[in-house]
Amino acid sequence: VGENGLEAEQGRAAIWEVDRGTGQHRIFASG
């Protein structure tokens, strides 16, 4: 539950959406 510091959670606890052609990505859903 974040005991390692919230800075260690960047990009985590999430599902990413990745563009297959370019590799560009965004957070699709989090938490």
PDB file of all heavy atoms in Angstrom:
ATOM      1  N   VAL A   1       0.831  -1.211   0.000  1.00  0.00           N
ATOM      2  CA  VAL A   1       0.000   0.000   0.000  1.00  0.00           C
ATOM      3  C   VAL A   1       0.867   1.263   0.000  1.00  0.00           C
ATOM      4  O   VAL A   1       0.653   2.177   0.798  1.00  0.00           O
ATOM      5  CB  VAL A   1      -0.985   0.032   1.191  1.00  0.00           C
ATOM      6  CG1 VAL A   1      -2.166  -0.874   0.937  1.00  0.00           C
ATOM      7  CG2 VAL A   1      -0.290  -0.314   2.504  1.00  0.00           C
ATOM      8  N   GLY A   2       1.854   1.300  -0.872  1.00  0.00           N
ATOM      9  CA  GLY A   2       2.639   2.512  -1.022  1.00  0.00           C
ATOM     10  C   GLY A   2       3.718   2.721   0.014  1.00  0.00           C
ATOM     11  O   GLY A   2       4.263   3.816   0.116  1.00  0.00           O
ATOM     12  N   GLU A   3       4.068   1.664   0.765  1.00  0.00           N
ATOM     13  CA  GLU A   3       5.046   1.846   1.848  1.00  0.00           C
ATOM     14  C   GLU A   3       6.461   2.111   1.334  1.00  0.00           C
ATOM     15  O   GLU A   3       7.333   2.509   2.116  1.00  0.00           O
ATOM     16  CB  GLU A   3       5.047   0.626   2.784  1.00  0.00           C
ATOM     17  CG  GLU A   3       5.501  -0.678   2.150  1.00  0.00           C
ATOM     18  CD  GLU A   3       4.381  -1.445   1.485  1.00  0.00           C
ATOM     19  OE1 GLU A   3       3.259  -0.889   1.347  1.00  0.00           O
ATOM     20  OE2 GLU A   3       4.612  -2.612   1.099  1.00  0.00           O
ATOM     21  N   ASN A   4       6.715   1.898   0.046  1.00  0.00           N
ATOM     22  CA  ASN A   4       8.030   2.223  -0.514  1.00  0.00           C
ATOM     23  C   ASN A   4       8.099   3.652  -1.046  1.00  0.00           C
ATOM     24  O   ASN A   4       9.088   4.038  -1.669  1.00  0.00           O
ATOM     25  CB  ASN A   4       8.383   1.236  -1.635  1.00  0.00           C
ATOM     26  CG  ASN A   4       8.629  -0.159  -1.098  1.00  0.00           C
ATOM     27  OD1 ASN A   4       9.208  -0.316  -0.027  1.00  0.00           O
ATOM     28  ND2 ASN A   4       8.180  -1.169  -1.820  1.00  0.00           N
ATOM     29  N   GLY A   5       7.042   4.434  -0.793  1.00  0.00           N
ATOM     30  CA  GLY A   5       6.997   5.810  -1.271  1.00  0.00           C
ATOM     31  C   GLY A   5       6.244   5.891  -2.591  1.00  0.00           C
ATOM     32  O   GLY A   5       6.431   5.054  -3.478  1.00  0.00           O
ATOM     33  N   LEU A   6       5.406   6.889  -2.718  1.00  0.00           N
ATOM     34  CA  LEU A   6       4.581   7.004  -3.920  1.00  0.00           C
ATOM     35  C   LEU A   6       5.404   7.303  -5.160  1.00  0.00           C
ATOM     36  O   LEU A   6       4.973   7.013  -6.285  1.00  0.00           O
ATOM     37  CB  LEU A   6       3.506   8.067  -3.712  1.00  0.00           C
ATOM     38  CG  LEU A   6       2.500   7.764  -2.590  1.00  0.00           C
ATOM     39  CD1 LEU A   6       1.433   8.842  -2.532  1.00  0.00           C
ATOM     40  CD2 LEU A   6       1.861   6.383  -2.780  1.00  0.00           C
ATOM     41  N   GLU A   7       6.614   7.841  -4.963  1.00  0.00           N
ATOM     42  CA  GLU A   7       7.472   8.084  -6.127  1.00  0.00           C
ATOM     43  C   GLU A   7       7.917   6.773  -6.776  1.00  0.00           C
ATOM     44  O   GLU A   7       8.250   6.744  -7.960  1.00  0.00           O
ATOM     45  CB  GLU A   7       8.690   8.923  -5.733  1.00  0.00           C
ATOM     46  CG  GLU A   7       9.655   8.261  -4.776  1.00  0.00           C
ATOM     47  CD  GLU A   7       9.230   8.351  -3.311  1.00  0.00           C
ATOM     48  OE1 GLU A   7       8.141   8.917  -3.025  1.00  0.00           O
ATOM     49  OE2 GLU A   7       9.981   7.843  -2.452  1.00  0.00           O
ATOM     50  N   ALA A   8       7.913   5.681  -5.996  1.00  0.00           N
ATOM     51  CA  ALA A   8       8.285   4.371  -6.550  1.00  0.00           C
ATOM     52  C   ALA A   8       7.149   3.747  -7.340  1.00  0.00           C
ATOM     53  O   ALA A   8       7.320   2.659  -7.917  1.00  0.00           O
ATOM     54  CB  ALA A   8       8.705   3.430  -5.418  1.00  0.00           C
ATOM     55  N   GLU A   9       5.987   4.398  -7.373  1.00  0.00           N
ATOM     56  CA  GLU A   9       4.804   3.833  -8.029  1.00  0.00           C
ATOM     57  C   GLU A   9       4.505   4.481  -9.382  1.00  0.00           C
ATOM     58  O   GLU A   9       3.440   4.249  -9.960  1.00  0.00           O
ATOM     59  CB  GLU A   9       3.585   3.972  -7.114  1.00  0.00           C
ATOM     60  CG  GLU A   9       3.751   3.366  -5.732  1.00  0.00           C
ATOM     61  CD  GLU A   9       3.932   1.853  -5.747  1.00  0.00           C
ATOM     62  OE1 GLU A   9       3.668   1.222  -6.803  1.00  0.00           O
ATOM     63  OE2 GLU A   9       4.346   1.299  -4.709  1.00  0.00           O
ATOM     64  N   GLN A  10       5.435   5.260  -9.895  1.00  0.00           N
ATOM     65  CA  GLN A  10       5.197   5.926 -11.173  1.00  0.00           C
ATOM     66  C   GLN A  10       4.957   4.895 -12.280  1.00  0.00           C
ATOM     67  O   GLN A  10       5.771   4.007 -12.511  1.00  0.00           O
ATOM     68  CB  GLN A  10       6.392   6.811 -11.543  1.00  0.00           C
ATOM     69  CG  GLN A  10       6.569   8.004 -10.627  1.00  0.00           C
ATOM     70  CD  GLN A  10       5.384   8.953 -10.695  1.00  0.00           C
ATOM     71  OE1 GLN A  10       4.910   9.291 -11.778  1.00  0.00           O
ATOM     72  NE2 GLN A  10       4.890   9.371  -9.532  1.00  0.00           N
ATOM     73  N   GLY A  11       3.820   5.027 -12.962  1.00  0.00           N
ATOM     74  CA  GLY A  11       3.491   4.120 -14.055  1.00  0.00           C
ATOM     75  C   GLY A  11       2.996   2.761 -13.627  1.00  0.00           C
ATOM     76  O   GLY A  11       2.722   1.905 -14.468  1.00  0.00           O
ATOM     77  N   ARG A  12       2.837   2.559 -12.313  1.00  0.00           N
ATOM     78  CA  ARG A  12       2.473   1.245 -11.797  1.00  0.00           C
ATOM     79  C   ARG A  12       1.020   1.209 -11.320  1.00  0.00           C
ATOM     80  O   ARG A  12       0.325   2.214 -11.353  1.00  0.00           O
ATOM     81  CB  ARG A  12       3.414   0.853 -10.651  1.00  0.00           C
ATOM     82  CG  ARG A  12       4.820   0.461 -11.125  1.00  0.00           C
ATOM     83  CD  ARG A  12       5.670   0.003  -9.956  1.00  0.00           C
ATOM     84  NE  ARG A  12       6.939  -0.579 -10.374  1.00  0.00           N
ATOM     85  CZ  ARG A  12       7.148  -1.879 -10.587  1.00  0.00           C
ATOM     86  NH1 ARG A  12       6.161  -2.731 -10.423  1.00  0.00           N
ATOM     87  NH2 ARG A  12       8.337  -2.319 -10.947  1.00  0.00           N
ATOM     88  N   ALA A  13       0.616  -0.002 -10.887  1.00  0.00           N
ATOM     89  CA  ALA A  13      -0.764  -0.233 -10.457  1.00  0.00           C
ATOM     90  C   ALA A  13      -1.714   0.246 -11.554  1.00  0.00           C
ATOM     91  O   ALA A  13      -2.684   0.954 -11.302  1.00  0.00           O
ATOM     92  CB  ALA A  13      -1.055   0.450  -9.127  1.00  0.00           C
ATOM     93  N   ALA A  14      -1.416  -0.185 -12.773  1.00  0.00           N
ATOM     94  CA  ALA A  14      -2.109   0.372 -13.925  1.00  0.00           C
ATOM     95  C   ALA A  14      -2.118  -0.608 -15.087  1.00  0.00           C
ATOM     96  O   ALA A  14      -1.372  -1.596 -15.105  1.00  0.00           O
ATOM     97  CB  ALA A  14      -1.424   1.673 -14.361  1.00  0.00           C
ATOM     98  N   ILE A  15      -2.961  -0.306 -16.047  1.00  0.00           N
ATOM     99  CA  ILE A  15      -2.918  -0.950 -17.352  1.00  0.00           C
ATOM    100  C   ILE A  15      -2.545   0.113 -18.372  1.00  0.00           C
ATOM    101  O   ILE A  15      -3.169   1.175 -18.440  1.00  0.00           O
ATOM    102  CB  ILE A  15      -4.266  -1.608 -17.703  1.00  0.00           C
ATOM    103  CG1 ILE A  15      -4.503  -2.811 -16.776  1.00  0.00           C
ATOM    104  CG2 ILE A  15      -4.294  -2.061 -19.166  1.00  0.00           C
ATOM    105  CD1 ILE A  15      -5.851  -3.469 -16.954  1.00  0.00           C
ATOM    106  N   TRP A  16      -1.486  -0.170 -19.123  1.00  0.00           N
ATOM    107  CA  TRP A  16      -1.019   0.747 -20.156  1.00  0.00           C
ATOM    108  C   TRP A  16      -1.680   0.409 -21.490  1.00  0.00           C
ATOM    109  O   TRP A  16      -1.916  -0.768 -21.796  1.00  0.00           O
ATOM    110  CB  TRP A  16       0.488   0.617 -20.344  1.00  0.00           C
ATOM    111  CG  TRP A  16       1.349   1.085 -19.216  1.00  0.00           C
ATOM    112  CD1 TRP A  16       1.019   1.240 -17.902  1.00  0.00           C
ATOM    113  CD2 TRP A  16       2.735   1.425 -19.314  1.00  0.00           C
ATOM    114  NE1 TRP A  16       2.104   1.656 -17.174  1.00  0.00           N
ATOM    115  CE2 TRP A  16       3.178   1.775 -18.017  1.00  0.00           C
ATOM    116  CE3 TRP A  16       3.648   1.455 -20.362  1.00  0.00           C
ATOM    117  CZ2 TRP A  16       4.482   2.162 -17.755  1.00  0.00           C
ATOM    118  CZ3 TRP A  16       4.964   1.833 -20.108  1.00  0.00           C
ATOM    119  CH2 TRP A  16       5.378   2.193 -18.814  1.00  0.00           C
ATOM    120  N   GLU A  17      -1.911   1.432 -22.288  1.00  0.00           N
ATOM    121  CA  GLU A  17      -2.262   1.235 -23.686  1.00  0.00           C
ATOM    122  C   GLU A  17      -1.050   1.643 -24.520  1.00  0.00           C
ATOM    123  O   GLU A  17      -0.565   2.771 -24.421  1.00  0.00           O
ATOM    124  CB  GLU A  17      -3.479   2.079 -24.073  1.00  0.00           C
ATOM    125  CG  GLU A  17      -3.908   1.879 -25.530  1.00  0.00           C
ATOM    126  CD  GLU A  17      -5.031   2.813 -25.925  1.00  0.00           C
ATOM    127  OE1 GLU A  17      -4.737   4.026 -26.144  1.00  0.00           O
ATOM    128  OE2 GLU A  17      -6.190   2.363 -26.001  1.00  0.00           O
ATOM    129  N   VAL A  18      -0.562   0.718 -25.331  1.00  0.00           N
ATOM    130  CA  VAL A  18       0.655   0.936 -26.120  1.00  0.00           C
ATOM    131  C   VAL A  18       0.298   0.899 -27.599  1.00  0.00           C
ATOM    132  O   VAL A  18      -0.357  -0.050 -28.058  1.00  0.00           O
ATOM    133  CB  VAL A  18       1.720  -0.135 -25.805  1.00  0.00           C
ATOM    134  CG1 VAL A  18       2.986   0.103 -26.628  1.00  0.00           C
ATOM    135  CG2 VAL A  18       2.043  -0.162 -24.313  1.00  0.00           C
ATOM    136  N   ASP A  19       0.711   1.904 -28.336  1.00  0.00           N
ATOM    137  CA  ASP A  19       0.533   1.885 -29.785  1.00  0.00           C
ATOM    138  C   ASP A  19       1.513   0.880 -30.379  1.00  0.00           C
ATOM    139  O   ASP A  19       2.721   0.991 -30.177  1.00  0.00           O
ATOM    140  CB  ASP A  19       0.784   3.278 -30.362  1.00  0.00           C
ATOM    141  CG  ASP A  19       0.521   3.336 -31.855  1.00  0.00           C
ATOM    142  OD1 ASP A  19       1.441   3.010 -32.633  1.00  0.00           O
ATOM    143  OD2 ASP A  19      -0.620   3.679 -32.243  1.00  0.00           O
ATOM    144  N   ARG A  20       0.965  -0.100 -31.096  1.00  0.00           N
ATOM    145  CA  ARG A  20       1.816  -1.199 -31.569  1.00  0.00           C
ATOM    146  C   ARG A  20       2.849  -0.727 -32.583  1.00  0.00           C
ATOM    147  O   ARG A  20       3.955  -1.271 -32.663  1.00  0.00           O
ATOM    148  CB  ARG A  20       0.947  -2.299 -32.189  1.00  0.00           C
ATOM    149  CG  ARG A  20       1.706  -3.605 -32.439  1.00  0.00           C
ATOM    150  CD  ARG A  20       0.760  -4.729 -32.789  1.00  0.00           C
ATOM    151  NE  ARG A  20       0.238  -4.613 -34.142  1.00  0.00           N
ATOM    152  CZ  ARG A  20       0.830  -5.112 -35.230  1.00  0.00           C
ATOM    153  NH1 ARG A  20       1.984  -5.754 -35.097  1.00  0.00           N
ATOM    154  NH2 ARG A  20       0.288  -4.990 -36.406  1.00  0.00           N
ATOM    155  N   GLY A  21       2.509   0.287 -33.342  1.00  0.00           N
ATOM    156  CA  GLY A  21       3.425   0.749 -34.377  1.00  0.00           C
ATOM    157  C   GLY A  21       4.537   1.636 -33.860  1.00  0.00           C
ATOM    158  O   GLY A  21       5.687   1.532 -34.302  1.00  0.00           O
ATOM    159  N   THR A  22       4.228   2.507 -32.903  1.00  0.00           N
ATOM    160  CA  THR A  22       5.198   3.504 -32.463  1.00  0.00           C
ATOM    161  C   THR A  22       5.784   3.251 -31.081  1.00  0.00           C
ATOM    162  O   THR A  22       6.828   3.817 -30.739  1.00  0.00           O
ATOM    163  CB  THR A  22       4.540   4.899 -32.441  1.00  0.00           C
ATOM    164  OG1 THR A  22       3.516   4.914 -31.419  1.00  0.00           O
ATOM    165  CG2 THR A  22       3.921   5.228 -33.793  1.00  0.00           C
ATOM    166  N   GLY A  23       5.108   2.435 -30.267  1.00  0.00           N
ATOM    167  CA  GLY A  23       5.544   2.242 -28.889  1.00  0.00           C
ATOM    168  C   GLY A  23       5.095   3.339 -27.954  1.00  0.00           C
ATOM    169  O   GLY A  23       5.349   3.281 -26.747  1.00  0.00           O
ATOM    170  N   GLN A  24       4.430   4.369 -28.487  1.00  0.00           N
ATOM    171  CA  GLN A  24       3.886   5.412 -27.615  1.00  0.00           C
ATOM    172  C   GLN A  24       2.845   4.805 -26.681  1.00  0.00           C
ATOM    173  O   GLN A  24       2.087   3.921 -27.084  1.00  0.00           O
ATOM    174  CB  GLN A  24       3.257   6.523 -28.457  1.00  0.00           C
ATOM    175  CG  GLN A  24       4.254   7.302 -29.304  1.00  0.00           C
ATOM    176  CD  GLN A  24       5.257   8.068 -28.458  1.00  0.00           C
ATOM    177  OE1 GLN A  24       4.888   8.793 -27.537  1.00  0.00           O
ATOM    178  NE2 GLN A  24       6.541   7.907 -28.774  1.00  0.00           N
ATOM    179  N   HIS A  25       2.818   5.290 -25.455  1.00  0.00           N
ATOM    180  CA  HIS A  25       1.925   4.661 -24.477  1.00  0.00           C
ATOM    181  C   HIS A  25       1.284   5.701 -23.577  1.00  0.00           C
ATOM    182  O   HIS A  25       1.768   6.833 -23.461  1.00  0.00           O
ATOM    183  CB  HIS A  25       2.691   3.638 -23.634  1.00  0.00           C
ATOM    184  CG  HIS A  25       3.756   4.254 -22.781  1.00  0.00           C
ATOM    185  ND1 HIS A  25       5.023   4.521 -23.260  1.00  0.00           N
ATOM    186  CD2 HIS A  25       3.753   4.664 -21.483  1.00  0.00           C
ATOM    187  CE1 HIS A  25       5.749   5.052 -22.298  1.00  0.00           C
ATOM    188  NE2 HIS A  25       5.011   5.163 -21.213  1.00  0.00           N
ATOM    189  N   ARG A  26       0.186   5.292 -22.969  1.00  0.00           N
ATOM    190  CA  ARG A  26      -0.496   6.119 -21.987  1.00  0.00           C
ATOM    191  C   ARG A  26      -1.096   5.201 -20.926  1.00  0.00           C
ATOM    192  O   ARG A  26      -1.236   3.990 -21.141  1.00  0.00           O
ATOM    193  CB  ARG A  26      -1.601   6.955 -22.640  1.00  0.00           C
ATOM    194  CG  ARG A  26      -2.781   6.127 -23.150  1.00  0.00           C
ATOM    195  CD  ARG A  26      -3.804   6.996 -23.860  1.00  0.00           C
ATOM    196  NE  ARG A  26      -4.948   6.218 -24.358  1.00  0.00           N
ATOM    197  CZ  ARG A  26      -6.117   6.114 -23.741  1.00  0.00           C
ATOM    198  NH1 ARG A  26      -6.318   6.719 -22.566  1.00  0.00           N
ATOM    199  NH2 ARG A  26      -7.102   5.420 -24.261  1.00  0.00           N
ATOM    200  N   ILE A  27      -1.450   5.765 -19.783  1.00  0.00           N
ATOM    201  CA  ILE A  27      -2.137   5.007 -18.747  1.00  0.00           C
ATOM    202  C   ILE A  27      -3.607   4.878 -19.156  1.00  0.00           C
ATOM    203  O   ILE A  27      -4.315   5.879 -19.271  1.00  0.00           O
ATOM    204  CB  ILE A  27      -2.013   5.690 -17.376  1.00  0.00           C
ATOM    205  CG1 ILE A  27      -0.540   5.809 -16.969  1.00  0.00           C
ATOM    206  CG2 ILE A  27      -2.807   4.913 -16.324  1.00  0.00           C
ATOM    207  CD1 ILE A  27       0.180   4.492 -16.790  1.00  0.00           C
ATOM    208  N   PHE A  28      -4.037   3.660 -19.392  1.00  0.00           N
ATOM    209  CA  PHE A  28      -5.425   3.408 -19.792  1.00  0.00           C
ATOM    210  C   PHE A  28      -6.349   3.410 -18.574  1.00  0.00           C
ATOM    211  O   PHE A  28      -7.450   3.954 -18.612  1.00  0.00           O
ATOM    212  CB  PHE A  28      -5.501   2.073 -20.529  1.00  0.00           C
ATOM    213  CG  PHE A  28      -6.861   1.742 -21.075  1.00  0.00           C
ATOM    214  CD1 PHE A  28      -7.354   2.403 -22.184  1.00  0.00           C
ATOM    215  CD2 PHE A  28      -7.638   0.754 -20.485  1.00  0.00           C
ATOM    216  CE1 PHE A  28      -8.609   2.098 -22.698  1.00  0.00           C
ATOM    217  CE2 PHE A  28      -8.893   0.437 -20.983  1.00  0.00           C
ATOM    218  CZ  PHE A  28      -9.383   1.117 -22.096  1.00  0.00           C
ATOM    219  N   ALA A  29      -5.909   2.782 -17.491  1.00  0.00           N
ATOM    220  CA  ALA A  29      -6.657   2.767 -16.229  1.00  0.00           C
ATOM    221  C   ALA A  29      -5.659   2.614 -15.101  1.00  0.00           C
ATOM    222  O   ALA A  29      -4.613   1.980 -15.266  1.00  0.00           O
ATOM    223  CB  ALA A  29      -7.684   1.636 -16.203  1.00  0.00           C
ATOM    224  N   SER A  30      -5.980   3.166 -13.929  1.00  0.00           N
ATOM    225  CA  SER A  30      -5.030   3.177 -12.818  1.00  0.00           C
ATOM    226  C   SER A  30      -5.727   2.802 -11.515  1.00  0.00           C
ATOM    227  O   SER A  30      -6.933   2.580 -11.474  1.00  0.00           O
ATOM    228  CB  SER A  30      -4.367   4.560 -12.701  1.00  0.00           C
ATOM    229  OG  SER A  30      -5.353   5.553 -12.460  1.00  0.00           O
ATOM    230  N   GLY A  31      -4.928   2.742 -10.432  1.00  0.00           N
ATOM    231  CA  GLY A  31      -5.477   2.362  -9.133  1.00  0.00           C
ATOM    232  C   GLY A  31      -5.773   0.886  -9.021  1.00  0.00           C
ATOM    233  O   GLY A  31      -6.542   0.472  -8.148  1.00  0.00           O
TER     234      GLY A  31
END
